Amino acid sequence: MFGSSQSQGASAYAKVGIETGVISASPHKLIVMLYDGAIVALSHTLTHIKAKDFAAKGQSISKAIAIIENGLRASLDKRAGGEIAESLDALYEYMAGRLIQANLDNDTVPVTEVQNLLRDLKLAWEAITPDKTNHSVEAPIAKNDPLEPRQTTLFKA
């Protein structure tokens, strides 16, 4: 009796929080939010595939595809972005195709592949955040894996 109304209340509260975040977010932050939304939708997709809940899987994977196509891909400015924007456009098209195939086959492998690609892009996008208040980042730290992301420290001149 109380569970469903509390769940609906929590869902409404979360929706208001997201909408407020979108309204106050910079264009850069909006892209990060799109990456987050697609990554979460793909996490739900994986859960639904494993549970054999194919209707919910279809909804989750459709949401991820919509975010990629109507959010990330549609926001590309190919004239201003040049070769990078063209490459991202092709990558987003590839991701959508992989997810369509995953949906048809109920296959987790392409879902995980696209989720990892989105995580990598999100990390790269966050690394170029135009932060006007914080002008320092931590210094490089030697790690065993040379491909592991490194932290850096920059000082305001």
C-alpha atoms as a PDB file:
ATOM      1  CA  MET A   1       0.000   0.000   0.000  1.00  0.00           C
ATOM      2  CA  PHE A   2       2.672   2.523   1.010  1.00  0.00           C
ATOM      3  CA  GLY A   3       5.422   1.138  -1.216  1.00  0.00           C
ATOM      4  CA  SER A   4       3.926   2.244  -4.507  1.00  0.00           C
ATOM      5  CA  SER A   5       3.019   5.758  -3.377  1.00  0.00           C
ATOM      6  CA  GLN A   6       6.448   6.230  -1.798  1.00  0.00           C
ATOM      7  CA  SER A   7       8.054   4.954  -4.973  1.00  0.00           C
ATOM      8  CA  GLN A   8       5.981   7.357  -7.061  1.00  0.00           C
ATOM      9  CA  GLY A   9       6.878  10.210  -4.710  1.00  0.00           C
ATOM     10  CA  ALA A  10      10.567   9.388  -4.916  1.00  0.00           C
ATOM     11  CA  SER A  11      10.322   9.141  -8.690  1.00  0.00           C
ATOM     12  CA  ALA A  12       8.591  12.524  -8.917  1.00  0.00           C
ATOM     13  CA  TYR A  13      11.209  14.052  -6.614  1.00  0.00           C
ATOM     14  CA  ALA A  14      14.031  12.627  -8.741  1.00  0.00           C
ATOM     15  CA  LYS A  15      12.360  13.951 -11.898  1.00  0.00           C
ATOM     16  CA  VAL A  16      12.144  17.453 -10.431  1.00  0.00           C
ATOM     17  CA  GLY A  17      15.812  17.222  -9.443  1.00  0.00           C
ATOM     18  CA  ILE A  18      16.806  16.186 -12.942  1.00  0.00           C
ATOM     19  CA  GLU A  19      14.673  18.886 -14.562  1.00  0.00           C
ATOM     20  CA  THR A  20      16.167  21.518 -12.259  1.00  0.00           C
ATOM     21  CA  GLY A  21      19.649  20.239 -13.087  1.00  0.00           C
ATOM     22  CA  VAL A  22      18.915  20.471 -16.806  1.00  0.00           C
ATOM     23  CA  ILE A  23      17.600  24.023 -16.537  1.00  0.00           C
ATOM     24  CA  SER A  24      20.624  25.241 -14.594  1.00  0.00           C
ATOM     25  CA  ALA A  25      23.261  23.176 -16.442  1.00  0.00           C
ATOM     26  CA  SER A  26      25.816  24.532 -18.866  1.00  0.00           C
ATOM     27  CA  PRO A  27      25.861  23.056 -22.379  1.00  0.00           C
ATOM     28  CA  HIS A  28      28.951  21.114 -21.333  1.00  0.00           C
ATOM     29  CA  LYS A  29      27.184  19.657 -18.291  1.00  0.00           C
ATOM     30  CA  LEU A  30      24.164  18.730 -20.430  1.00  0.00           C
ATOM     31  CA  ILE A  31      26.374  16.478 -22.552  1.00  0.00           C
ATOM     32  CA  VAL A  32      27.683  14.786 -19.387  1.00  0.00           C
ATOM     33  CA  MET A  33      24.073  14.289 -18.276  1.00  0.00           C
ATOM     34  CA  LEU A  34      23.242  12.688 -21.636  1.00  0.00           C
ATOM     35  CA  TYR A  35      26.179  10.298 -21.281  1.00  0.00           C
ATOM     36  CA  ASP A  36      25.040   9.445 -17.737  1.00  0.00           C
ATOM     37  CA  GLY A  37      21.470   8.841 -18.904  1.00  0.00           C
ATOM     38  CA  ALA A  38      22.539   6.502 -21.693  1.00  0.00           C
ATOM     39  CA  ILE A  39      24.932   4.603 -19.410  1.00  0.00           C
ATOM     40  CA  VAL A  40      22.211   4.111 -16.789  1.00  0.00           C
ATOM     41  CA  ALA A  41      19.683   3.025 -19.431  1.00  0.00           C
ATOM     42  CA  LEU A  42      22.179   0.428 -20.668  1.00  0.00           C
ATOM     43  CA  SER A  43      22.749  -0.813 -17.110  1.00  0.00           C
ATOM     44  CA  HIS A  44      18.995  -1.359 -16.857  1.00  0.00           C
ATOM     45  CA  THR A  45      19.053  -3.068 -20.257  1.00  0.00           C
ATOM     46  CA  LEU A  46      21.659  -5.558 -19.034  1.00  0.00           C
ATOM     47  CA  THR A  47      19.603  -6.287 -15.930  1.00  0.00           C
ATOM     48  CA  HIS A  48      16.451  -6.829 -17.999  1.00  0.00           C
ATOM     49  CA  ILE A  49      18.185  -9.116 -20.499  1.00  0.00           C
ATOM     50  CA  LYS A  50      19.547 -11.280 -17.684  1.00  0.00           C
ATOM     51  CA  ALA A  51      16.086 -11.382 -16.055  1.00  0.00           C
ATOM     52  CA  LYS A  52      14.492 -12.217 -19.427  1.00  0.00           C
ATOM     53  CA  ASP A  53      12.185  -9.207 -19.035  1.00  0.00           C
ATOM     54  CA  PHE A  54      12.153  -8.411 -22.728  1.00  0.00           C
ATOM     55  CA  ALA A  55       9.488  -5.699 -22.614  1.00  0.00           C
ATOM     56  CA  ALA A  56      11.486  -3.701 -20.062  1.00  0.00           C
ATOM     57  CA  LYS A  57      14.677  -4.454 -22.012  1.00  0.00           C
ATOM     58  CA  GLY A  58      13.094  -2.963 -25.105  1.00  0.00           C
ATOM     59  CA  GLN A  59      12.137   0.202 -23.238  1.00  0.00           C
ATOM     60  CA  SER A  60      15.596   0.628 -21.686  1.00  0.00           C
ATOM     61  CA  ILE A  61      17.504   0.014 -24.884  1.00  0.00           C
ATOM     62  CA  SER A  62      15.140   2.323 -26.803  1.00  0.00           C
ATOM     63  CA  LYS A  63      15.803   5.033 -24.235  1.00  0.00           C
ATOM     64  CA  ALA A  64      19.575   4.626 -24.666  1.00  0.00           C
ATOM     65  CA  ILE A  65      19.260   4.757 -28.461  1.00  0.00           C
ATOM     66  CA  ALA A  66      17.092   7.884 -28.225  1.00  0.00           C
ATOM     67  CA  ILE A  67      19.657   9.594 -25.995  1.00  0.00           C
ATOM     68  CA  ILE A  68      22.458   8.707 -28.395  1.00  0.00           C
ATOM     69  CA  GLU A  69      20.557   9.675 -31.559  1.00  0.00           C
ATOM     70  CA  ASN A  70      18.369  12.577 -30.396  1.00  0.00           C
ATOM     71  CA  GLY A  71      20.671  13.949 -27.728  1.00  0.00           C
ATOM     72  CA  LEU A  72      24.344  13.274 -28.348  1.00  0.00           C
ATOM     73  CA  ARG A  73      24.315  12.873 -32.110  1.00  0.00           C
ATOM     74  CA  ALA A  74      21.805  15.662 -32.744  1.00  0.00           C
ATOM     75  CA  SER A  75      23.871  18.096 -30.663  1.00  0.00           C
ATOM     76  CA  LEU A  76      26.951  17.743 -32.890  1.00  0.00           C
ATOM     77  CA  ASP A  77      27.905  20.833 -34.875  1.00  0.00           C
ATOM     78  CA  LYS A  78      29.702  19.288 -37.830  1.00  0.00           C
ATOM     79  CA  ARG A  79      30.732  22.627 -39.338  1.00  0.00           C
ATOM     80  CA  ALA A  80      32.296  23.969 -36.134  1.00  0.00           C
ATOM     81  CA  GLY A  81      33.452  20.566 -34.866  1.00  0.00           C
ATOM     82  CA  GLY A  82      35.089  19.483 -38.104  1.00  0.00           C
ATOM     83  CA  GLU A  83      36.749  16.080 -38.163  1.00  0.00           C
ATOM     84  CA  ILE A  84      36.089  15.375 -34.468  1.00  0.00           C
ATOM     85  CA  ALA A  85      32.361  15.964 -34.893  1.00  0.00           C
ATOM     86  CA  GLU A  86      32.316  13.785 -38.011  1.00  0.00           C
ATOM     87  CA  SER A  87      34.097  10.987 -36.128  1.00  0.00           C
ATOM     88  CA  LEU A  88      31.713  11.258 -33.182  1.00  0.00           C
ATOM     89  CA  ASP A  89      28.755  11.194 -35.564  1.00  0.00           C
ATOM     90  CA  ALA A  90      30.029   7.947 -37.084  1.00  0.00           C
ATOM     91  CA  LEU A  91      30.680   6.487 -33.626  1.00  0.00           C
ATOM     92  CA  TYR A  92      27.176   7.387 -32.397  1.00  0.00           C
ATOM     93  CA  GLU A  93      25.718   5.809 -35.548  1.00  0.00           C
ATOM     94  CA  TYR A  94      27.772   2.668 -34.861  1.00  0.00           C
ATOM     95  CA  MET A  95      26.574   2.579 -31.241  1.00  0.00           C
ATOM     96  CA  ALA A  96      22.921   2.854 -32.255  1.00  0.00           C
ATOM     97  CA  GLY A  97      23.377   0.042 -34.768  1.00  0.00           C
ATOM     98  CA  ARG A  98      25.022  -2.189 -32.169  1.00  0.00           C
ATOM     99  CA  LEU A  99      22.173  -1.543 -29.735  1.00  0.00           C
ATOM    100  CA  ILE A 100      19.537  -2.325 -32.367  1.00  0.00           C
ATOM    101  CA  GLN A 101      21.288  -5.635 -33.024  1.00  0.00           C
ATOM    102  CA  ALA A 102      21.580  -6.299 -29.273  1.00  0.00           C
ATOM    103  CA  ASN A 103      17.856  -5.677 -28.940  1.00  0.00           C
ATOM    104  CA  LEU A 104      17.043  -8.150 -31.717  1.00  0.00           C
ATOM    105  CA  ASP A 105      19.393 -10.823 -30.359  1.00  0.00           C
ATOM    106  CA  ASN A 106      18.928 -10.199 -26.603  1.00  0.00           C
ATOM    107  CA  ASP A 107      22.723 -10.045 -26.484  1.00  0.00           C
ATOM    108  CA  THR A 108      24.589  -8.377 -23.618  1.00  0.00           C
ATOM    109  CA  VAL A 109      27.949  -8.148 -25.433  1.00  0.00           C
ATOM    110  CA  PRO A 110      27.084  -5.189 -27.704  1.00  0.00           C
ATOM    111  CA  VAL A 111      25.301  -3.459 -24.821  1.00  0.00           C
ATOM    112  CA  THR A 112      28.428  -3.694 -22.680  1.00  0.00           C
ATOM    113  CA  GLU A 113      30.576  -2.558 -25.621  1.00  0.00           C
ATOM    114  CA  VAL A 114      28.475   0.579 -26.163  1.00  0.00           C
ATOM    115  CA  GLN A 115      28.305   1.256 -22.432  1.00  0.00           C
ATOM    116  CA  ASN A 116      32.118   1.160 -22.241  1.00  0.00           C
ATOM    117  CA  LEU A 117      32.428   3.472 -25.253  1.00  0.00           C
ATOM    118  CA  LEU A 118      30.031   5.930 -23.611  1.00  0.00           C
ATOM    119  CA  ARG A 119      31.990   5.801 -20.355  1.00  0.00           C
ATOM    120  CA  ASP A 120      35.233   6.549 -22.212  1.00  0.00           C
ATOM    121  CA  LEU A 121      33.642   9.471 -24.044  1.00  0.00           C
ATOM    122  CA  LYS A 122      32.160  10.792 -20.819  1.00  0.00           C
ATOM    123  CA  LEU A 123      35.555  10.681 -19.100  1.00  0.00           C
ATOM    124  CA  ALA A 124      37.136  12.507 -22.026  1.00  0.00           C
ATOM    125  CA  TRP A 125      34.352  15.095 -22.001  1.00  0.00           C
ATOM    126  CA  GLU A 126      34.717  15.630 -18.262  1.00  0.00           C
ATOM    127  CA  ALA A 127      38.477  16.073 -18.700  1.00  0.00           C
ATOM    128  CA  ILE A 128      37.863  19.155 -20.835  1.00  0.00           C
ATOM    129  CA  THR A 129      35.298  20.720 -18.508  1.00  0.00           C
ATOM    130  CA  PRO A 130      35.532  24.503 -18.719  1.00  0.00           C
ATOM    131  CA  ASP A 131      35.734  25.060 -14.958  1.00  0.00           C
ATOM    132  CA  LYS A 132      35.977  28.760 -14.134  1.00  0.00           C
ATOM    133  CA  THR A 133      36.294  28.367 -10.383  1.00  0.00           C
ATOM    134  CA  ASN A 134      38.842  25.608  -9.907  1.00  0.00           C
ATOM    135  CA  HIS A 135      42.187  26.148 -11.629  1.00  0.00           C
ATOM    136  CA  SER A 136      44.106  23.214 -10.206  1.00  0.00           C
ATOM    137  CA  VAL A 137      44.040  19.497 -10.776  1.00  0.00           C
ATOM    138  CA  GLU A 138      46.235  16.889  -9.097  1.00  0.00           C
ATOM    139  CA  ALA A 139      49.743  16.161 -10.414  1.00  0.00           C
ATOM    140  CA  PRO A 140      50.480  13.088 -12.543  1.00  0.00           C
ATOM    141  CA  ILE A 141      50.782   9.918 -10.525  1.00  0.00           C
ATOM    142  CA  ALA A 142      52.927   7.049 -11.790  1.00  0.00           C
ATOM    143  CA  LYS A 143      50.811   3.926 -12.234  1.00  0.00           C
ATOM    144  CA  ASN A 144      51.537   0.416 -13.366  1.00  0.00           C
ATOM    145  CA  ASP A 145      49.184   0.620 -16.344  1.00  0.00           C
ATOM    146  CA  PRO A 146      50.409   3.248 -18.859  1.00  0.00           C
ATOM    147  CA  LEU A 147      46.917   3.426 -20.392  1.00  0.00           C
ATOM    148  CA  GLU A 148      45.259   4.285 -17.089  1.00  0.00           C
ATOM    149  CA  PRO A 149      43.989   7.900 -16.942  1.00  0.00           C
ATOM    150  CA  ARG A 150      46.365  10.187 -15.071  1.00  0.00           C
ATOM    151  CA  GLN A 151      45.547  13.088 -12.785  1.00  0.00           C
ATOM    152  CA  THR A 152      47.311  16.374 -13.395  1.00  0.00           C
ATOM    153  CA  THR A 153      47.842  19.605 -11.508  1.00  0.00           C
ATOM    154  CA  LEU A 154      47.659  22.919 -13.242  1.00  0.00           C
ATOM    155  CA  PHE A 155      48.221  26.199 -11.474  1.00  0.00           C
ATOM    156  CA  LYS A 156      46.624  29.497 -12.239  1.00  0.00           C
ATOM    157  CA  ALA A 157      49.176  31.869 -13.772  1.00  0.00           C
END
